[in-house]
């Protein structure tokens, strides 16, 4: 479960960086950028605290 949370949160983090680069290069419009970044931000803030600062061998009870 921990690895799934990490993958989702890293993809969400990429979703906050990549759209900005696409707008800068002119490949994406600003409104689409805002929508993707807002969704990615919410996903990051939901998933990241669930695995950051946790021991990898910790068993969820």
N, C-alpha and C. Protein backbone atom coordinates (compact mmCIF):
# COMPACT_ATOMS: atom_id res chain seq x y z
N UNK A 1 0.83 -1.20 0.00
CA UNK A 1 0.00 0.00 0.00
C UNK A 1 0.87 1.25 0.00
N UNK A 2 1.97 1.17 0.73
CA UNK A 2 2.86 2.32 0.84
C UNK A 2 3.45 2.71 -0.51
N UNK A 3 3.82 1.73 -1.32
CA UNK A 3 4.41 2.01 -2.61
C UNK A 3 3.38 2.64 -3.55
N UNK A 4 2.12 2.23 -3.44
CA UNK A 4 1.07 2.82 -4.27
C UNK A 4 0.88 4.29 -3.92
N UNK A 5 0.88 4.59 -2.63
CA UNK A 5 0.75 5.99 -2.20
C UNK A 5 1.91 6.83 -2.70
N UNK A 6 3.11 6.28 -2.68
CA UNK A 6 4.27 7.01 -3.17
C UNK A 6 4.15 7.30 -4.66
N UNK A 7 3.74 6.31 -5.41
CA UNK A 7 3.60 6.49 -6.86
C UNK A 7 2.55 7.55 -7.16
N UNK A 8 1.41 7.48 -6.50
CA UNK A 8 0.34 8.46 -6.74
C UNK A 8 0.81 9.86 -6.36
N UNK A 9 1.48 9.99 -5.22
CA UNK A 9 1.89 11.32 -4.79
C UNK A 9 2.99 11.89 -5.68
N UNK A 10 3.91 11.04 -6.17
CA UNK A 10 4.93 11.53 -7.09
C UNK A 10 4.33 11.94 -8.44
N UNK A 11 3.34 11.19 -8.91
CA UNK A 11 2.66 11.59 -10.14
C UNK A 11 1.93 12.93 -9.95
N UNK A 12 1.32 13.10 -8.78
CA UNK A 12 0.65 14.37 -8.49
C UNK A 12 1.65 15.52 -8.42
N UNK A 13 2.81 15.24 -7.85
CA UNK A 13 3.85 16.26 -7.80
C UNK A 13 4.31 16.65 -9.21
N UNK A 14 4.44 15.65 -10.05
CA UNK A 14 4.79 15.92 -11.46
C UNK A 14 3.67 16.72 -12.13
N UNK A 15 2.44 16.47 -11.70
CA UNK A 15 1.30 17.20 -12.24
C UNK A 15 1.26 18.66 -11.84
N UNK A 16 2.10 19.04 -10.89
CA UNK A 16 2.19 20.45 -10.54
C UNK A 16 3.38 21.13 -11.24
N UNK A 17 4.28 20.34 -11.78
CA UNK A 17 5.47 20.91 -12.42
C UNK A 17 5.37 20.90 -13.94
N UNK A 18 4.97 19.77 -14.50
CA UNK A 18 4.94 19.61 -15.96
C UNK A 18 3.99 20.59 -16.65
N UNK A 19 2.77 20.80 -16.16
CA UNK A 19 1.89 21.75 -16.84
C UNK A 19 2.46 23.18 -16.92
N UNK A 20 3.18 23.58 -15.89
CA UNK A 20 3.79 24.91 -15.93
C UNK A 20 4.81 25.01 -17.06
N UNK A 21 5.56 23.94 -17.26
CA UNK A 21 6.54 23.92 -18.35
C UNK A 21 5.84 23.92 -19.71
N UNK A 22 4.70 23.21 -19.79
CA UNK A 22 3.96 23.19 -21.05
C UNK A 22 3.36 24.54 -21.39
N UNK A 23 2.90 25.28 -20.38
CA UNK A 23 2.38 26.63 -20.62
C UNK A 23 3.52 27.55 -21.06
N UNK A 24 4.65 27.40 -20.41
CA UNK A 24 5.82 28.22 -20.76
C UNK A 24 6.25 27.98 -22.21
N UNK A 25 6.16 26.73 -22.65
CA UNK A 25 6.56 26.43 -24.03
C UNK A 25 5.45 26.71 -25.03
N UNK A 26 4.25 27.02 -24.55
CA UNK A 26 3.14 27.36 -25.43
C UNK A 26 2.32 26.17 -25.89
N UNK A 27 2.51 25.01 -25.29
CA UNK A 27 1.80 23.80 -25.69
C UNK A 27 0.50 23.58 -24.93
N UNK A 28 0.21 24.39 -23.92
CA UNK A 28 -1.00 24.23 -23.12
C UNK A 28 -1.54 25.61 -22.77
N UNK A 29 -2.87 25.73 -22.73
CA UNK A 29 -3.43 27.03 -22.36
C UNK A 29 -3.47 27.18 -20.84
N UNK A 30 -3.65 28.39 -20.40
CA UNK A 30 -3.53 28.71 -18.97
C UNK A 30 -4.63 28.07 -18.13
N UNK A 31 -5.86 28.03 -18.64
CA UNK A 31 -6.96 27.46 -17.84
C UNK A 31 -6.78 25.97 -17.62
N UNK A 32 -6.33 25.26 -18.63
CA UNK A 32 -6.06 23.82 -18.47
C UNK A 32 -4.95 23.62 -17.45
N UNK A 33 -3.94 24.46 -17.50
CA UNK A 33 -2.84 24.41 -16.54
C UNK A 33 -3.37 24.58 -15.12
N UNK A 34 -4.21 25.55 -14.91
CA UNK A 34 -4.75 25.80 -13.57
C UNK A 34 -5.56 24.61 -13.06
N UNK A 35 -6.36 24.02 -13.94
CA UNK A 35 -7.18 22.86 -13.54
C UNK A 35 -6.32 21.67 -13.16
N UNK A 36 -5.34 21.35 -13.98
CA UNK A 36 -4.47 20.20 -13.70
C UNK A 36 -3.67 20.44 -12.43
N UNK A 37 -3.15 21.65 -12.26
CA UNK A 37 -2.35 21.93 -11.07
C UNK A 37 -3.19 21.91 -9.80
N UNK A 38 -4.44 22.37 -9.87
CA UNK A 38 -5.30 22.35 -8.69
C UNK A 38 -5.63 20.92 -8.27
N UNK A 39 -5.97 20.08 -9.23
CA UNK A 39 -6.26 18.68 -8.93
C UNK A 39 -5.02 17.98 -8.39
N UNK A 40 -3.89 18.23 -9.01
CA UNK A 40 -2.63 17.60 -8.57
C UNK A 40 -2.25 18.04 -7.17
N UNK A 41 -2.49 19.30 -6.85
CA UNK A 41 -2.18 19.81 -5.52
C UNK A 41 -3.01 19.09 -4.45
N UNK A 42 -4.29 18.92 -4.72
CA UNK A 42 -5.17 18.25 -3.77
C UNK A 42 -4.73 16.80 -3.58
N UNK A 43 -4.43 16.11 -4.68
CA UNK A 43 -4.00 14.72 -4.59
C UNK A 43 -2.69 14.61 -3.82
N UNK A 44 -1.76 15.53 -4.07
CA UNK A 44 -0.48 15.51 -3.35
C UNK A 44 -0.69 15.69 -1.84
N UNK A 45 -1.51 16.69 -1.46
CA UNK A 45 -1.72 16.95 -0.04
C UNK A 45 -2.52 15.86 0.66
N UNK A 46 -3.27 15.07 -0.09
CA UNK A 46 -3.99 13.96 0.51
C UNK A 46 -3.09 12.73 0.66
N UNK A 47 -2.27 12.45 -0.34
CA UNK A 47 -1.50 11.20 -0.32
C UNK A 47 -0.14 11.32 0.36
N UNK A 48 0.54 12.44 0.24
CA UNK A 48 1.89 12.55 0.77
C UNK A 48 1.97 12.38 2.29
N UNK A 49 1.09 12.98 3.08
CA UNK A 49 1.22 12.80 4.53
C UNK A 49 1.01 11.36 5.00
N UNK A 50 0.42 10.54 4.16
CA UNK A 50 0.17 9.15 4.55
C UNK A 50 1.42 8.29 4.52
N UNK A 51 2.47 8.74 3.82
CA UNK A 51 3.69 7.93 3.77
C UNK A 51 4.95 8.67 4.17
N UNK A 52 4.96 9.98 4.15
CA UNK A 52 6.15 10.72 4.55
C UNK A 52 6.33 10.60 6.07
N UNK A 53 7.56 10.43 6.49
CA UNK A 53 7.95 10.26 7.89
C UNK A 53 7.39 9.01 8.53
N UNK A 54 7.14 8.00 7.72
CA UNK A 54 6.71 6.70 8.23
C UNK A 54 7.84 5.71 8.00
N UNK A 55 8.01 4.78 8.91
CA UNK A 55 9.00 3.74 8.71
C UNK A 55 8.52 2.80 7.63
N UNK A 56 9.42 2.35 6.78
CA UNK A 56 9.01 1.49 5.67
C UNK A 56 8.55 0.11 6.15
N UNK A 57 9.00 -0.33 7.31
CA UNK A 57 8.61 -1.63 7.81
C UNK A 57 7.43 -1.55 8.78
N UNK A 58 6.84 -0.38 8.91
CA UNK A 58 5.72 -0.20 9.82
C UNK A 58 4.47 -0.90 9.27
N UNK A 59 3.81 -1.66 10.12
CA UNK A 59 2.62 -2.37 9.71
C UNK A 59 1.41 -1.57 10.12
N UNK A 60 0.52 -1.32 9.16
CA UNK A 60 -0.70 -0.60 9.47
C UNK A 60 -1.67 -1.52 10.20
N UNK A 61 -2.15 -1.09 11.33
CA UNK A 61 -3.06 -1.92 12.12
C UNK A 61 -4.44 -1.35 12.11
